[in-house]
Amino acid sequence: MKTAKSSLLLLPLLAAFLLAGCNKTEEPPKPNVASQGTAPASYLDKIKARDKLIVGVFTDKPPFGFVDEAGRYVGFDTDIGRRFAKDLLGDENKVEFVAVEPASRIPFLQSDKVDLILANMTVTPERKEAVEFTNPNLKVAVQALVPQASAVKSLDDLASRTIIVTTGTTADIWLTKNHPDWKLLKFEKNSESLQALANGRGDAYAQDNLVLFSWAKQNPGYRVLEQTLGAEAPIAPAVKKGNLELRDWVNAELAKLGEEKYLLKLYDQYVRKELGDDTKPESVIVEGGKWQG
């Protein structure tokens, strides 16, 4: 009886407690400040905070990217890099050039060693899966260079011969895909490939025709086969896959430079003397990024 009586006395107290709990206004949960963090800066802001644009370029592919006698990076592509730095950071000297080879261009983007590649990279479906290409600035076709006295007259004549290519170039990719039974001799650098041809280690060198025309003009005794390996294709700067902000900035920059015919100025400075006055600039450069393919 005593236990029952005690329980009856506790019931009013329990009811009052529950009623007070129901009438209490619940406070909204406080935000977790630690989990909010700071919003990530844009990629352009990252470059501005660093105060330097990092660009991958060739060092042995005149007239587009090479090192002069004073050790300075010069050429068609490197001048574009300097102009990008000037328009983005206010000073053309706020650019760091990183030497790349054909096969290292994409890995350097993927590993964030560079912001941008300006190294004669031809746009292909395979490469579009790995990087973001901007609008084009050049157009090119792949051809083959042979000694003047060579018996080779057409691409078919190369089926039983040794073809020199630079690893990772469009020529390397195209020949590997379309003629897997042809014998290829591969080198990492364009300069090494050309030296191998000069030393007679192969019968032909397949590469972008702009490079071949330039080298043949400077080194008499060679000719470029008329046939092309595949169709004419655009060449474009490239950024890391997913970096749409920098890609769109470069596209806007190329459009702006097109209004002042900036690429034509670079063509006259670097390329015209390599190809000859009979070559039309519009067959080489893509002013304003407007590709007509």
Protein backbone atom coordinates (compact mmCIF):
# COMPACT_ATOMS: atom_id res chain seq x y z
CA MET A 1 0.00 0.00 0.00
CA LYS A 2 2.81 2.36 0.82
CA THR A 3 4.44 1.78 -2.56
CA ALA A 4 1.21 2.40 -4.42
CA LYS A 5 0.60 5.57 -2.46
CA SER A 6 4.09 6.88 -3.31
CA SER A 7 3.48 6.23 -6.99
CA LEU A 8 0.25 8.20 -6.90
CA LEU A 9 2.08 11.16 -5.38
CA LEU A 10 4.70 11.10 -8.18
CA LEU A 11 2.18 11.18 -11.04
CA PRO A 12 1.33 14.93 -10.75
CA LEU A 13 5.01 15.77 -10.69
CA LEU A 14 5.70 13.69 -13.81
CA ALA A 15 2.78 15.28 -15.64
CA ALA A 16 4.03 18.76 -14.80
CA PHE A 17 7.49 17.87 -16.07
CA LEU A 18 6.13 16.56 -19.37
CA LEU A 19 3.93 19.63 -19.80
CA ALA A 20 6.87 21.94 -19.28
CA GLY A 21 8.86 19.99 -21.87
CA CYS A 22 6.07 20.31 -24.45
CA ASN A 23 5.74 24.06 -23.94
CA LYS A 24 9.50 24.66 -24.32
CA THR A 25 10.42 26.17 -27.68
CA GLU A 26 13.11 24.12 -29.42
CA GLU A 27 16.15 26.09 -30.51
CA PRO A 28 17.35 25.49 -34.09
CA PRO A 29 20.59 23.50 -34.29
CA LYS A 30 23.67 25.65 -34.37
CA PRO A 31 25.67 25.44 -37.57
CA ASN A 32 28.91 23.54 -37.45
CA VAL A 33 31.35 26.37 -38.09
CA ALA A 34 34.27 24.01 -38.48
CA SER A 35 32.52 22.08 -41.24
CA GLN A 36 31.67 25.22 -43.23
CA GLY A 37 35.26 26.23 -43.91
CA THR A 38 36.21 28.91 -46.41
CA ALA A 39 34.80 28.83 -49.92
CA PRO A 40 37.51 27.73 -52.35
CA ALA A 41 39.00 30.49 -54.45
CA SER A 42 38.52 30.40 -58.20
CA TYR A 43 41.38 29.14 -60.33
CA LEU A 44 42.03 32.60 -61.73
CA ASP A 45 42.21 33.91 -58.15
CA LYS A 46 44.72 31.16 -57.40
CA ILE A 47 46.94 32.35 -60.27
CA LYS A 48 46.58 35.98 -59.16
CA ALA A 49 47.46 35.10 -55.56
CA ARG A 50 50.55 33.27 -56.82
CA ASP A 51 51.22 36.27 -59.11
CA LYS A 52 52.53 33.96 -61.80
CA LEU A 53 51.14 32.01 -64.75
CA ILE A 54 52.84 28.64 -65.28
CA VAL A 55 52.93 27.52 -68.91
CA GLY A 56 54.28 24.34 -70.48
CA VAL A 57 56.18 24.96 -73.74
CA PHE A 58 58.55 23.23 -76.11
CA THR A 59 62.22 24.16 -76.11
CA ASP A 60 63.25 22.50 -79.38
CA LYS A 61 60.46 23.21 -81.83
CA PRO A 62 61.19 26.45 -83.69
CA PRO A 63 59.55 28.70 -84.63
CA PHE A 64 56.90 27.86 -82.01
CA GLY A 65 58.87 27.16 -78.86
CA PHE A 66 62.64 27.15 -78.44
CA VAL A 67 65.50 28.57 -76.38
CA ASP A 68 67.71 31.19 -77.98
CA GLU A 69 71.48 31.66 -77.54
CA ALA A 70 70.89 33.79 -74.47
CA GLY A 71 68.87 31.02 -72.82
CA ARG A 72 65.58 32.89 -73.23
CA TYR A 73 62.35 31.09 -74.10
CA VAL A 74 61.15 32.48 -77.43
CA GLY A 75 58.75 31.66 -80.22
CA PHE A 76 55.16 31.87 -81.39
CA ASP A 77 53.75 29.93 -78.42
CA THR A 78 55.94 31.51 -75.75
CA ASP A 79 54.95 35.00 -76.87
CA ILE A 80 51.30 34.03 -76.49
CA GLY A 81 52.11 32.89 -72.96
CA ARG A 82 53.69 36.25 -72.17
CA ARG A 83 50.68 38.09 -73.56
CA PHE A 84 48.34 35.95 -71.43
CA ALA A 85 50.39 36.87 -68.35
CA LYS A 86 50.27 40.56 -69.23
CA ASP A 87 46.51 40.59 -69.67
CA LEU A 88 45.83 38.46 -66.58
CA LEU A 89 48.49 39.75 -64.18
CA GLY A 90 49.49 43.09 -65.68
CA ASP A 91 53.07 42.09 -66.54
CA GLU A 92 54.30 39.83 -69.36
CA ASN A 93 57.21 38.77 -67.18
CA LYS A 94 54.91 37.17 -64.63
CA VAL A 95 55.04 33.88 -66.47
CA GLU A 96 57.05 30.78 -65.67
CA PHE A 97 57.85 28.53 -68.60
CA VAL A 98 58.22 24.81 -67.97
CA ALA A 99 59.88 22.66 -70.62
CA VAL A 100 57.68 19.80 -71.82
CA GLU A 101 58.03 16.97 -74.31
CA PRO A 102 55.12 15.69 -76.42
CA ALA A 103 54.49 12.75 -74.10
CA SER A 104 54.66 14.84 -70.91
CA ARG A 105 52.18 17.55 -71.86
CA ILE A 106 49.05 15.83 -70.52
CA PRO A 107 50.72 14.38 -67.38
CA PHE A 108 52.04 17.84 -66.48
CA LEU A 109 48.49 19.22 -66.62
CA GLN A 110 47.05 16.33 -64.66
CA SER A 111 49.66 16.67 -61.90
CA ASP A 112 49.23 20.48 -61.68
CA LYS A 113 52.82 21.18 -62.70
CA VAL A 114 51.50 23.76 -65.17
CA ASP A 115 48.35 25.86 -65.54
CA LEU A 116 48.33 25.77 -69.29
CA ILE A 117 49.96 23.98 -72.20
CA LEU A 118 51.08 26.06 -75.19
CA ALA A 119 53.06 23.41 -77.02
CA ASN A 120 51.61 22.68 -80.45
CA MET A 121 49.12 20.10 -79.18
CA THR A 122 46.83 18.88 -81.93
CA VAL A 123 43.21 18.35 -80.89
CA THR A 124 42.26 14.66 -81.10
CA PRO A 125 39.31 12.69 -79.67
CA GLU A 126 41.65 10.76 -77.38
CA ARG A 127 43.26 13.88 -75.95
CA LYS A 128 39.87 15.56 -75.46
CA GLU A 129 39.08 12.80 -73.00
CA ALA A 130 42.11 13.76 -70.90
CA VAL A 131 42.26 17.59 -71.07
CA GLU A 132 40.14 20.65 -71.77
CA PHE A 133 41.11 22.21 -75.09
CA THR A 134 40.45 25.88 -75.68
CA ASN A 135 39.51 27.25 -79.07
CA PRO A 136 42.31 26.70 -81.63
CA ASN A 137 45.12 29.08 -82.49
CA LEU A 138 46.74 27.03 -85.30
CA LYS A 139 45.91 24.37 -87.85
CA VAL A 140 48.16 21.56 -89.00
CA ALA A 141 48.46 18.36 -90.97
CA VAL A 142 50.91 15.54 -90.37
CA GLN A 143 53.31 14.67 -93.19
CA ALA A 144 56.63 12.88 -93.61
CA LEU A 145 60.10 14.22 -94.30
CA VAL A 146 62.60 12.17 -96.33
CA PRO A 147 66.08 12.79 -97.76
CA GLN A 148 66.00 14.37 -101.20
CA ALA A 149 67.66 11.32 -102.79
CA SER A 150 65.28 8.85 -101.14
CA ALA A 151 63.39 6.40 -103.35
CA VAL A 152 60.28 7.01 -101.22
CA LYS A 153 57.61 8.78 -103.24
CA SER A 154 54.45 8.15 -101.21
CA LEU A 155 53.33 7.00 -97.77
CA ASP A 156 52.76 3.49 -99.08
CA ASP A 157 56.49 3.26 -99.81
CA LEU A 158 57.12 3.59 -96.06
CA ALA A 159 55.33 0.33 -95.25
CA SER A 160 58.56 -1.65 -95.49
CA ARG A 161 60.84 1.05 -94.06
CA THR A 162 61.63 2.63 -90.68
CA ILE A 163 59.70 5.75 -89.75
CA ILE A 164 61.00 8.04 -87.04
CA VAL A 165 58.42 9.64 -84.73
CA THR A 166 58.50 11.61 -81.51
CA THR A 167 56.70 9.81 -78.70
CA GLY A 168 53.23 11.17 -77.95
CA THR A 169 52.88 13.24 -81.12
CA THR A 170 49.90 13.05 -83.45
CA ALA A 171 52.10 11.22 -85.97
CA ASP A 172 52.99 8.58 -83.38
CA ILE A 173 49.34 8.11 -82.39
CA TRP A 174 48.05 8.03 -85.98
CA LEU A 175 50.63 5.55 -87.27
CA THR A 176 50.26 3.28 -84.25
CA LYS A 177 46.50 3.19 -84.73
CA ASN A 178 46.29 2.96 -88.53
CA HIS A 179 49.48 1.05 -89.39
CA PRO A 180 50.37 -1.04 -86.32
CA ASP A 181 52.54 -3.32 -88.49
CA TRP A 182 54.79 -0.49 -89.69
CA LYS A 183 58.18 -0.14 -88.01
CA LEU A 184 58.46 2.98 -85.85
CA LEU A 185 61.63 4.31 -84.23
CA LYS A 186 60.64 6.58 -81.33
CA PHE A 187 62.46 9.38 -79.55
CA GLU A 188 61.37 11.63 -76.69
CA LYS A 189 62.43 14.94 -78.24
CA ASN A 190 61.80 16.52 -81.61
CA SER A 191 65.48 17.46 -81.88
CA GLU A 192 66.49 13.84 -81.23
CA SER A 193 64.15 12.61 -83.97
CA LEU A 194 65.50 15.07 -86.53
CA GLN A 195 69.07 14.17 -85.61
CA ALA A 196 68.24 10.49 -86.05
CA LEU A 197 66.96 11.21 -89.56
CA ALA A 198 70.09 13.20 -90.37
CA ASN A 199 72.19 10.27 -89.13
CA GLY A 200 70.34 7.83 -91.37
CA ARG A 201 68.79 5.84 -88.53
CA GLY A 202 65.42 5.92 -90.27
CA ASP A 203 63.99 6.44 -93.74
CA ALA A 204 61.51 9.21 -92.88
CA TYR A 205 60.37 11.44 -90.05
CA ALA A 206 56.62 11.93 -89.51
CA GLN A 207 55.64 15.12 -87.70
CA ASP A 208 53.47 18.25 -87.93
CA ASN A 209 54.09 19.71 -91.38
CA LEU A 210 54.88 23.18 -90.01
CA VAL A 211 57.90 21.75 -88.24
CA LEU A 212 58.99 19.78 -91.31
CA PHE A 213 58.68 22.73 -93.70
CA SER A 214 60.76 24.86 -91.35
CA TRP A 215 63.48 22.25 -90.88
CA ALA A 216 63.67 21.38 -94.58
CA LYS A 217 64.16 25.04 -95.43
CA GLN A 218 67.02 25.36 -92.96
CA ASN A 219 68.57 22.01 -93.91
CA PRO A 220 68.76 21.58 -97.71
CA GLY A 221 68.68 18.04 -98.97
CA TYR A 222 65.26 17.02 -97.66
CA ARG A 223 61.71 17.08 -99.01
CA VAL A 224 58.24 16.70 -97.54
CA LEU A 225 55.92 14.06 -99.03
CA GLU A 226 52.72 15.59 -100.35
CA GLN A 227 50.36 13.08 -98.75
CA THR A 228 49.10 13.75 -95.24
CA LEU A 229 48.66 11.30 -92.40
CA GLY A 230 45.02 11.96 -91.67
CA ALA A 231 43.08 15.17 -92.15
CA GLU A 232 44.01 18.73 -91.30
CA ALA A 233 43.34 19.35 -87.62
CA PRO A 234 43.28 22.25 -85.15
CA ILE A 235 46.02 22.97 -82.61
CA ALA A 236 44.89 24.52 -79.35
CA PRO A 237 46.07 25.47 -75.88
CA ALA A 238 45.00 23.00 -73.19
CA VAL A 239 44.17 23.14 -69.48
CA LYS A 240 43.45 20.48 -66.88
CA LYS A 241 40.28 18.43 -67.35
CA GLY A 242 37.41 20.19 -65.60
CA ASN A 243 39.12 23.59 -65.40
CA LEU A 244 36.37 25.35 -67.33
CA GLU A 245 37.14 28.72 -65.76
CA LEU A 246 40.64 28.96 -67.19
CA ARG A 247 39.49 27.42 -70.48
CA ASP A 248 36.79 30.08 -70.87
CA TRP A 249 39.22 32.86 -69.95
CA VAL A 250 41.64 31.71 -72.65
CA ASN A 251 38.81 31.54 -75.19
CA ALA A 252 37.79 35.12 -74.38
CA GLU A 253 41.44 36.18 -74.56
CA LEU A 254 41.93 34.57 -77.98
CA ALA A 255 38.79 36.32 -79.24
CA LYS A 256 40.09 39.67 -77.98
CA LEU A 257 43.52 39.09 -79.51
CA GLY A 258 41.83 38.21 -82.79
CA GLU A 259 40.39 41.71 -82.99
CA GLU A 260 43.90 43.16 -83.10
CA LYS A 261 45.23 40.39 -85.41
CA TYR A 262 47.76 39.42 -82.76
CA LEU A 263 48.44 35.95 -84.16
CA LEU A 264 49.13 37.47 -87.58
CA LYS A 265 51.80 39.66 -85.95
CA LEU A 266 53.40 36.56 -84.41
CA TYR A 267 53.14 34.76 -87.74
CA ASP A 268 55.01 37.60 -89.45
CA GLN A 269 57.62 37.63 -86.69
CA TYR A 270 58.31 33.92 -86.36
CA VAL A 271 56.63 31.78 -89.00
CA ARG A 272 56.55 33.58 -92.33
CA LYS A 273 60.29 33.40 -92.90
CA GLU A 274 60.22 29.68 -92.11
CA LEU A 275 57.52 28.80 -94.64
CA GLY A 276 58.02 31.36 -97.38
CA ASP A 277 55.96 34.28 -98.66
CA ASP A 278 53.80 32.06 -100.86
CA THR A 279 52.21 30.43 -97.80
CA LYS A 280 48.94 32.08 -96.81
CA PRO A 281 48.78 32.95 -93.09
CA GLU A 282 45.18 31.75 -92.84
CA SER A 283 46.37 28.27 -93.80
CA VAL A 284 48.42 28.20 -90.60
CA ILE A 285 46.90 30.46 -87.93
CA VAL A 286 43.37 30.51 -86.52
CA GLU A 287 42.77 34.14 -85.60
CA GLY A 288 40.30 34.74 -82.78
CA GLY A 289 39.89 31.00 -82.15
CA LYS A 290 37.44 30.69 -85.04
CA TRP A 291 38.11 27.24 -86.45
CA GLN A 292 36.58 26.48 -89.84
CA GLY A 293 37.06 22.74 -90.09
